[in-house]
N, C-alpha and C. Protein backbone atom coordinates (compact mmCIF):
# COMPACT_ATOMS: atom_id res chain seq x y z
N MET A 1 -14.80 -15.32 17.52
CA MET A 1 -15.47 -14.29 16.72
C MET A 1 -16.72 -13.81 17.49
N PRO A 2 -16.92 -12.50 17.52
CA PRO A 2 -18.12 -12.00 18.19
C PRO A 2 -19.38 -12.45 17.46
N LYS A 3 -20.48 -12.44 18.16
CA LYS A 3 -21.78 -12.81 17.57
C LYS A 3 -22.56 -11.55 17.21
N ALA A 4 -23.28 -11.63 16.09
CA ALA A 4 -24.13 -10.51 15.68
C ALA A 4 -25.28 -10.37 16.64
N GLU A 5 -25.67 -9.14 16.92
CA GLU A 5 -26.82 -8.89 17.76
C GLU A 5 -28.07 -8.91 16.92
N GLY A 6 -29.18 -9.35 17.48
CA GLY A 6 -30.42 -9.37 16.74
C GLY A 6 -30.50 -10.56 15.79
N LYS A 7 -31.35 -10.43 14.80
CA LYS A 7 -31.59 -11.51 13.84
C LYS A 7 -30.40 -11.69 12.91
N THR A 8 -30.09 -12.92 12.63
CA THR A 8 -29.08 -13.26 11.61
C THR A 8 -29.73 -14.15 10.56
N PHE A 9 -29.13 -14.21 9.40
CA PHE A 9 -29.67 -15.00 8.30
C PHE A 9 -28.68 -16.08 7.91
N SER A 10 -29.19 -17.20 7.45
CA SER A 10 -28.32 -18.29 7.04
C SER A 10 -27.70 -17.96 5.68
N PHE A 11 -26.56 -18.58 5.42
CA PHE A 11 -25.86 -18.35 4.15
C PHE A 11 -25.05 -19.59 3.82
N LEU A 12 -24.57 -19.63 2.58
CA LEU A 12 -23.77 -20.75 2.07
C LEU A 12 -22.29 -20.47 2.26
N GLY A 13 -21.49 -21.53 2.19
CA GLY A 13 -20.03 -21.40 2.26
C GLY A 13 -19.44 -21.09 0.90
N GLU A 14 -18.14 -20.78 0.90
CA GLU A 14 -17.46 -20.42 -0.34
C GLU A 14 -17.47 -21.53 -1.38
N ASP A 15 -17.67 -22.78 -0.96
CA ASP A 15 -17.71 -23.88 -1.92
C ASP A 15 -18.91 -23.75 -2.87
N ALA A 16 -19.86 -22.88 -2.57
CA ALA A 16 -21.01 -22.67 -3.46
C ALA A 16 -20.66 -21.76 -4.65
N ILE A 17 -19.50 -21.12 -4.61
CA ILE A 17 -19.08 -20.27 -5.74
C ILE A 17 -18.74 -21.16 -6.91
N GLU A 18 -19.36 -20.91 -8.05
CA GLU A 18 -19.23 -21.80 -9.21
C GLU A 18 -18.15 -21.34 -10.18
N THR A 19 -16.90 -21.65 -9.85
CA THR A 19 -15.81 -21.28 -10.74
C THR A 19 -15.83 -22.09 -12.04
N GLY A 20 -16.35 -23.30 -11.96
CA GLY A 20 -16.40 -24.16 -13.15
C GLY A 20 -17.34 -23.67 -14.24
N ILE A 21 -18.15 -22.70 -13.94
CA ILE A 21 -19.10 -22.15 -14.92
C ILE A 21 -18.42 -21.13 -15.84
N LEU A 22 -17.25 -20.64 -15.44
CA LEU A 22 -16.54 -19.61 -16.23
C LEU A 22 -16.02 -20.22 -17.53
N GLU A 23 -16.24 -19.50 -18.63
CA GLU A 23 -15.77 -19.91 -19.93
C GLU A 23 -14.91 -18.81 -20.54
N THR A 24 -14.04 -19.21 -21.45
CA THR A 24 -13.20 -18.23 -22.15
C THR A 24 -13.42 -18.32 -23.64
N ILE A 25 -12.95 -17.29 -24.31
CA ILE A 25 -12.99 -17.22 -25.77
C ILE A 25 -11.55 -16.95 -26.21
N ASP A 26 -11.07 -17.73 -27.19
CA ASP A 26 -9.74 -17.47 -27.71
C ASP A 26 -9.67 -16.06 -28.27
N PHE A 27 -8.58 -15.39 -28.01
CA PHE A 27 -8.43 -14.00 -28.40
C PHE A 27 -6.97 -13.75 -28.78
N HIS A 28 -6.78 -13.41 -30.03
CA HIS A 28 -5.41 -13.14 -30.52
C HIS A 28 -5.45 -11.77 -31.20
N ASN A 29 -4.72 -10.85 -30.65
CA ASN A 29 -4.67 -9.51 -31.17
C ASN A 29 -3.23 -9.04 -31.16
N LYS A 30 -2.81 -8.42 -32.23
CA LYS A 30 -1.41 -8.02 -32.29
C LYS A 30 -1.14 -6.77 -31.40
N GLU A 31 -2.17 -6.07 -31.00
CA GLU A 31 -2.03 -4.94 -30.12
C GLU A 31 -2.38 -5.32 -28.69
N ARG A 32 -1.87 -4.56 -27.73
CA ARG A 32 -2.20 -4.78 -26.31
C ARG A 32 -3.52 -4.07 -26.05
N GLU A 33 -4.60 -4.78 -26.17
CA GLU A 33 -5.92 -4.18 -25.99
C GLU A 33 -6.30 -4.16 -24.51
N PHE A 34 -6.85 -3.05 -24.09
CA PHE A 34 -7.33 -2.88 -22.70
C PHE A 34 -8.81 -3.22 -22.69
N VAL A 35 -9.21 -4.10 -21.75
CA VAL A 35 -10.60 -4.56 -21.66
C VAL A 35 -11.14 -4.16 -20.26
N ARG A 36 -12.37 -3.63 -20.25
CA ARG A 36 -13.03 -3.29 -18.98
C ARG A 36 -14.46 -3.81 -19.00
N TYR A 37 -14.84 -4.50 -17.92
CA TYR A 37 -16.22 -4.94 -17.73
C TYR A 37 -16.66 -4.37 -16.39
N GLU A 38 -17.92 -3.94 -16.31
CA GLU A 38 -18.47 -3.41 -15.06
C GLU A 38 -19.88 -3.93 -14.83
N THR A 39 -20.17 -4.19 -13.59
CA THR A 39 -21.55 -4.52 -13.20
C THR A 39 -21.79 -3.99 -11.79
N ASP A 40 -22.97 -3.42 -11.61
CA ASP A 40 -23.34 -2.96 -10.27
C ASP A 40 -24.34 -3.93 -9.64
N GLU A 41 -24.38 -5.16 -10.15
CA GLU A 41 -25.31 -6.18 -9.66
C GLU A 41 -24.63 -7.27 -8.85
N PHE A 42 -23.42 -7.03 -8.34
CA PHE A 42 -22.75 -8.04 -7.54
C PHE A 42 -23.30 -8.03 -6.13
N SER A 43 -23.54 -9.22 -5.60
CA SER A 43 -23.93 -9.31 -4.18
C SER A 43 -23.46 -10.63 -3.58
N ALA A 44 -23.12 -10.55 -2.32
CA ALA A 44 -22.81 -11.69 -1.50
C ALA A 44 -23.41 -11.34 -0.14
N VAL A 45 -23.12 -12.10 0.90
CA VAL A 45 -23.65 -11.76 2.21
C VAL A 45 -22.53 -11.73 3.25
N CYS A 46 -22.74 -10.93 4.23
CA CYS A 46 -21.78 -10.82 5.35
C CYS A 46 -21.80 -12.14 6.13
N PRO A 47 -20.64 -12.77 6.35
CA PRO A 47 -20.61 -14.03 7.09
C PRO A 47 -20.82 -13.82 8.60
N PHE A 48 -20.92 -12.59 9.02
CA PHE A 48 -21.18 -12.29 10.42
C PHE A 48 -22.70 -12.23 10.69
N SER A 49 -23.43 -11.54 9.81
CA SER A 49 -24.85 -11.33 10.06
C SER A 49 -25.76 -11.99 9.02
N GLY A 50 -25.20 -12.33 7.85
CA GLY A 50 -26.03 -12.85 6.77
C GLY A 50 -26.72 -11.74 5.97
N LEU A 51 -26.45 -10.49 6.33
CA LEU A 51 -27.03 -9.36 5.58
C LEU A 51 -26.31 -9.16 4.26
N PRO A 52 -27.01 -8.67 3.25
CA PRO A 52 -26.40 -8.54 1.91
C PRO A 52 -25.32 -7.46 1.86
N ASP A 53 -24.28 -7.77 1.10
CA ASP A 53 -23.24 -6.80 0.69
C ASP A 53 -23.42 -6.65 -0.80
N ILE A 54 -23.65 -5.44 -1.26
CA ILE A 54 -23.89 -5.17 -2.67
C ILE A 54 -22.82 -4.25 -3.18
N GLY A 55 -22.26 -4.56 -4.35
CA GLY A 55 -21.18 -3.75 -4.86
C GLY A 55 -21.11 -3.67 -6.35
N LYS A 56 -20.34 -2.72 -6.82
CA LYS A 56 -20.04 -2.56 -8.25
C LYS A 56 -18.67 -3.15 -8.50
N VAL A 57 -18.63 -4.15 -9.39
CA VAL A 57 -17.36 -4.81 -9.74
C VAL A 57 -16.86 -4.24 -11.06
N THR A 58 -15.59 -3.84 -11.09
CA THR A 58 -14.94 -3.43 -12.33
C THR A 58 -13.76 -4.38 -12.56
N ILE A 59 -13.77 -5.01 -13.71
CA ILE A 59 -12.68 -5.90 -14.12
C ILE A 59 -11.96 -5.21 -15.26
N GLU A 60 -10.67 -5.00 -15.10
CA GLU A 60 -9.85 -4.40 -16.15
C GLU A 60 -8.69 -5.33 -16.39
N TYR A 61 -8.40 -5.56 -17.67
CA TYR A 61 -7.25 -6.43 -17.96
C TYR A 61 -6.73 -6.24 -19.37
N ILE A 62 -5.51 -6.69 -19.55
CA ILE A 62 -4.90 -6.79 -20.88
C ILE A 62 -4.76 -8.28 -21.16
N PRO A 63 -5.56 -8.80 -22.08
CA PRO A 63 -5.55 -10.26 -22.33
C PRO A 63 -4.22 -10.73 -22.94
N SER A 64 -3.91 -11.97 -22.65
CA SER A 64 -2.78 -12.60 -23.32
C SER A 64 -3.32 -13.33 -24.54
N ASP A 65 -4.11 -14.38 -24.34
CA ASP A 65 -4.63 -15.12 -25.50
C ASP A 65 -6.09 -15.55 -25.33
N LYS A 66 -6.76 -15.07 -24.26
CA LYS A 66 -8.18 -15.38 -24.10
C LYS A 66 -8.90 -14.27 -23.33
N ILE A 67 -10.19 -14.19 -23.54
CA ILE A 67 -11.04 -13.26 -22.83
C ILE A 67 -12.17 -14.03 -22.19
N ILE A 68 -12.85 -13.40 -21.26
CA ILE A 68 -13.94 -14.08 -20.55
C ILE A 68 -15.22 -14.01 -21.37
N GLU A 69 -15.97 -15.09 -21.36
CA GLU A 69 -17.30 -15.11 -22.01
C GLU A 69 -18.25 -14.48 -20.99
N LEU A 70 -18.95 -13.43 -21.41
CA LEU A 70 -19.68 -12.58 -20.46
C LEU A 70 -20.89 -13.26 -19.79
N LYS A 71 -21.59 -14.12 -20.49
CA LYS A 71 -22.73 -14.79 -19.86
C LYS A 71 -22.23 -15.69 -18.72
N SER A 72 -21.12 -16.35 -18.94
CA SER A 72 -20.56 -17.21 -17.89
C SER A 72 -20.10 -16.37 -16.71
N LEU A 73 -19.58 -15.17 -16.99
CA LEU A 73 -19.17 -14.27 -15.90
C LEU A 73 -20.38 -13.86 -15.07
N LYS A 74 -21.49 -13.55 -15.71
CA LYS A 74 -22.73 -13.21 -15.01
C LYS A 74 -23.18 -14.35 -14.11
N TYR A 75 -23.19 -15.58 -14.61
CA TYR A 75 -23.55 -16.74 -13.83
C TYR A 75 -22.61 -16.93 -12.63
N TYR A 76 -21.34 -16.71 -12.88
CA TYR A 76 -20.33 -16.80 -11.81
C TYR A 76 -20.66 -15.80 -10.69
N PHE A 77 -20.94 -14.57 -11.07
CA PHE A 77 -21.29 -13.55 -10.07
C PHE A 77 -22.56 -13.92 -9.32
N VAL A 78 -23.55 -14.43 -10.01
CA VAL A 78 -24.80 -14.85 -9.36
C VAL A 78 -24.52 -15.93 -8.31
N SER A 79 -23.53 -16.78 -8.52
CA SER A 79 -23.24 -17.85 -7.59
C SER A 79 -22.74 -17.33 -6.24
N PHE A 80 -22.33 -16.07 -6.17
CA PHE A 80 -21.93 -15.44 -4.90
C PHE A 80 -23.13 -15.01 -4.06
N ARG A 81 -24.28 -14.91 -4.65
CA ARG A 81 -25.45 -14.24 -4.07
C ARG A 81 -25.77 -14.66 -2.63
N ASN A 82 -25.70 -15.94 -2.31
CA ASN A 82 -26.03 -16.41 -0.96
C ASN A 82 -24.81 -16.91 -0.18
N VAL A 83 -23.63 -16.51 -0.63
CA VAL A 83 -22.39 -16.97 0.00
C VAL A 83 -21.96 -15.98 1.08
N GLY A 84 -21.64 -16.48 2.24
CA GLY A 84 -21.10 -15.66 3.31
C GLY A 84 -19.62 -15.49 3.12
N ILE A 85 -19.20 -14.27 2.75
CA ILE A 85 -17.80 -14.01 2.44
C ILE A 85 -17.53 -12.53 2.76
N TYR A 86 -16.44 -12.24 3.43
CA TYR A 86 -16.09 -10.86 3.71
C TYR A 86 -15.79 -10.12 2.42
N GLN A 87 -16.01 -8.83 2.40
CA GLN A 87 -15.84 -8.02 1.19
C GLN A 87 -14.43 -8.14 0.60
N GLU A 88 -13.45 -8.05 1.45
CA GLU A 88 -12.06 -8.14 0.97
C GLU A 88 -11.76 -9.53 0.37
N LYS A 89 -12.31 -10.54 1.00
CA LYS A 89 -12.11 -11.92 0.54
C LYS A 89 -12.84 -12.15 -0.79
N ALA A 90 -14.00 -11.53 -0.96
CA ALA A 90 -14.74 -11.68 -2.22
C ALA A 90 -13.94 -11.10 -3.38
N THR A 91 -13.34 -9.93 -3.13
CA THR A 91 -12.51 -9.32 -4.20
C THR A 91 -11.32 -10.21 -4.52
N GLN A 92 -10.68 -10.74 -3.49
CA GLN A 92 -9.53 -11.62 -3.69
C GLN A 92 -9.94 -12.85 -4.45
N ARG A 93 -11.10 -13.43 -4.10
CA ARG A 93 -11.57 -14.64 -4.75
C ARG A 93 -11.86 -14.38 -6.24
N ILE A 94 -12.53 -13.29 -6.55
CA ILE A 94 -12.82 -12.94 -7.96
C ILE A 94 -11.50 -12.79 -8.71
N PHE A 95 -10.56 -12.04 -8.12
CA PHE A 95 -9.27 -11.84 -8.76
C PHE A 95 -8.56 -13.16 -9.00
N ASP A 96 -8.45 -13.97 -7.96
CA ASP A 96 -7.75 -15.25 -8.10
C ASP A 96 -8.37 -16.14 -9.17
N ASP A 97 -9.69 -16.25 -9.15
CA ASP A 97 -10.38 -17.12 -10.11
C ASP A 97 -10.16 -16.64 -11.54
N LEU A 98 -10.31 -15.33 -11.77
CA LEU A 98 -10.18 -14.80 -13.14
C LEU A 98 -8.74 -14.76 -13.61
N PHE A 99 -7.82 -14.43 -12.71
CA PHE A 99 -6.39 -14.40 -13.11
C PHE A 99 -5.92 -15.79 -13.49
N GLU A 100 -6.31 -16.78 -12.70
CA GLU A 100 -5.94 -18.17 -13.00
C GLU A 100 -6.52 -18.64 -14.33
N LEU A 101 -7.76 -18.27 -14.60
CA LEU A 101 -8.44 -18.68 -15.80
C LEU A 101 -7.88 -18.01 -17.05
N LEU A 102 -7.67 -16.71 -16.97
CA LEU A 102 -7.29 -15.92 -18.16
C LEU A 102 -5.80 -15.79 -18.36
N LYS A 103 -5.04 -15.84 -17.28
CA LYS A 103 -3.59 -15.62 -17.30
C LYS A 103 -3.27 -14.35 -18.14
N PRO A 104 -3.84 -13.24 -17.74
CA PRO A 104 -3.66 -12.00 -18.51
C PRO A 104 -2.27 -11.40 -18.32
N ILE A 105 -1.93 -10.48 -19.19
CA ILE A 105 -0.68 -9.73 -19.03
C ILE A 105 -0.77 -8.85 -17.79
N TRP A 106 -1.94 -8.25 -17.60
CA TRP A 106 -2.21 -7.38 -16.46
C TRP A 106 -3.68 -7.46 -16.11
N MET A 107 -3.99 -7.39 -14.81
CA MET A 107 -5.39 -7.40 -14.39
C MET A 107 -5.56 -6.57 -13.12
N LYS A 108 -6.72 -5.91 -13.06
CA LYS A 108 -7.09 -5.14 -11.88
C LYS A 108 -8.57 -5.37 -11.61
N ILE A 109 -8.90 -5.70 -10.37
CA ILE A 109 -10.28 -5.88 -9.95
C ILE A 109 -10.56 -4.83 -8.88
N THR A 110 -11.64 -4.08 -9.06
CA THR A 110 -12.06 -3.08 -8.11
C THR A 110 -13.50 -3.40 -7.73
N VAL A 111 -13.80 -3.42 -6.43
CA VAL A 111 -15.19 -3.58 -5.97
C VAL A 111 -15.49 -2.41 -5.03
N VAL A 112 -16.50 -1.64 -5.41
CA VAL A 112 -16.97 -0.53 -4.59
C VAL A 112 -18.29 -1.00 -3.96
N TYR A 113 -18.26 -1.20 -2.66
CA TYR A 113 -19.45 -1.68 -1.94
C TYR A 113 -20.35 -0.53 -1.51
N LYS A 114 -21.64 -0.79 -1.48
CA LYS A 114 -22.59 0.18 -0.95
C LYS A 114 -22.32 0.40 0.52
N THR A 115 -22.57 1.61 1.01
CA THR A 115 -22.31 1.98 2.39
C THR A 115 -23.08 1.05 3.33
N ARG A 116 -22.35 0.57 4.35
CA ARG A 116 -22.96 -0.26 5.41
C ARG A 116 -22.46 0.22 6.74
N GLY A 117 -23.38 0.47 7.65
CA GLY A 117 -22.98 0.92 8.99
C GLY A 117 -22.25 2.28 8.94
N GLY A 118 -22.55 3.10 7.92
CA GLY A 118 -21.92 4.39 7.79
C GLY A 118 -20.50 4.35 7.26
N ILE A 119 -20.07 3.20 6.79
CA ILE A 119 -18.68 3.03 6.29
C ILE A 119 -18.72 2.63 4.82
N ASP A 120 -17.96 3.39 4.02
CA ASP A 120 -17.78 3.05 2.61
C ASP A 120 -16.58 2.13 2.47
N ALA A 121 -16.68 1.14 1.61
CA ALA A 121 -15.57 0.19 1.41
C ALA A 121 -15.30 0.02 -0.08
N THR A 122 -14.04 0.15 -0.45
CA THR A 122 -13.59 -0.14 -1.81
C THR A 122 -12.39 -1.05 -1.68
N THR A 123 -12.39 -2.15 -2.46
CA THR A 123 -11.28 -3.07 -2.41
C THR A 123 -10.71 -3.20 -3.83
N ILE A 124 -9.38 -3.21 -3.95
CA ILE A 124 -8.70 -3.21 -5.24
C ILE A 124 -7.53 -4.19 -5.21
N ILE A 125 -7.43 -5.02 -6.24
CA ILE A 125 -6.28 -5.90 -6.38
C ILE A 125 -5.78 -5.76 -7.82
N GLU A 126 -4.49 -5.67 -7.99
CA GLU A 126 -3.87 -5.47 -9.29
C GLU A 126 -2.60 -6.32 -9.39
N LYS A 127 -2.36 -6.87 -10.57
CA LYS A 127 -1.18 -7.73 -10.77
C LYS A 127 -0.78 -7.68 -12.23
N GLY A 128 0.50 -7.72 -12.49
CA GLY A 128 1.00 -7.77 -13.86
C GLY A 128 1.58 -6.43 -14.27
N GLU A 129 1.91 -6.35 -15.55
CA GLU A 129 2.58 -5.17 -16.08
C GLU A 129 1.67 -4.48 -17.09
N ARG A 130 1.26 -3.30 -16.75
CA ARG A 130 0.38 -2.54 -17.63
C ARG A 130 1.21 -1.77 -18.61
C-alpha cells in the first residue's frame, strides 16, 4: 500500500466499532411500513491518512418484527468517529450490522460523503424485497 505524503494521524481499528451497543424495539404492524432515518453527523477516518471522512447516512427499511432504538444508533455511529475504515467498507459494515440485527424484509443504506480531493463519493447497498 502506498504511504500518505505529509502528516498522517493515528486512528483505531474496526474492532472499536461498538455493535453491541445497538438495541431494538419490538415492532408488530399489520402493514408494510417504510422507515427512513437520516443523519449528516456520520464520521470515520481514512485509513490511509487518518483524515476525517464525513457523510450523510440514510437508512431505509421495511421492518419484519423489530426497529432500531435511535439513541443506540447514534452511539453506534459515534463509535466510528476515530476508526480508520474506507468509505465503501464503512457502508458495508453499517449495512451488515443493521441487517443482521433487524432482519428486515428490505433494507437500503446510502452514505453520501463530503467531497475529498475533488471527488464526490456515494455508496449504496440494498437487499431484500421492497
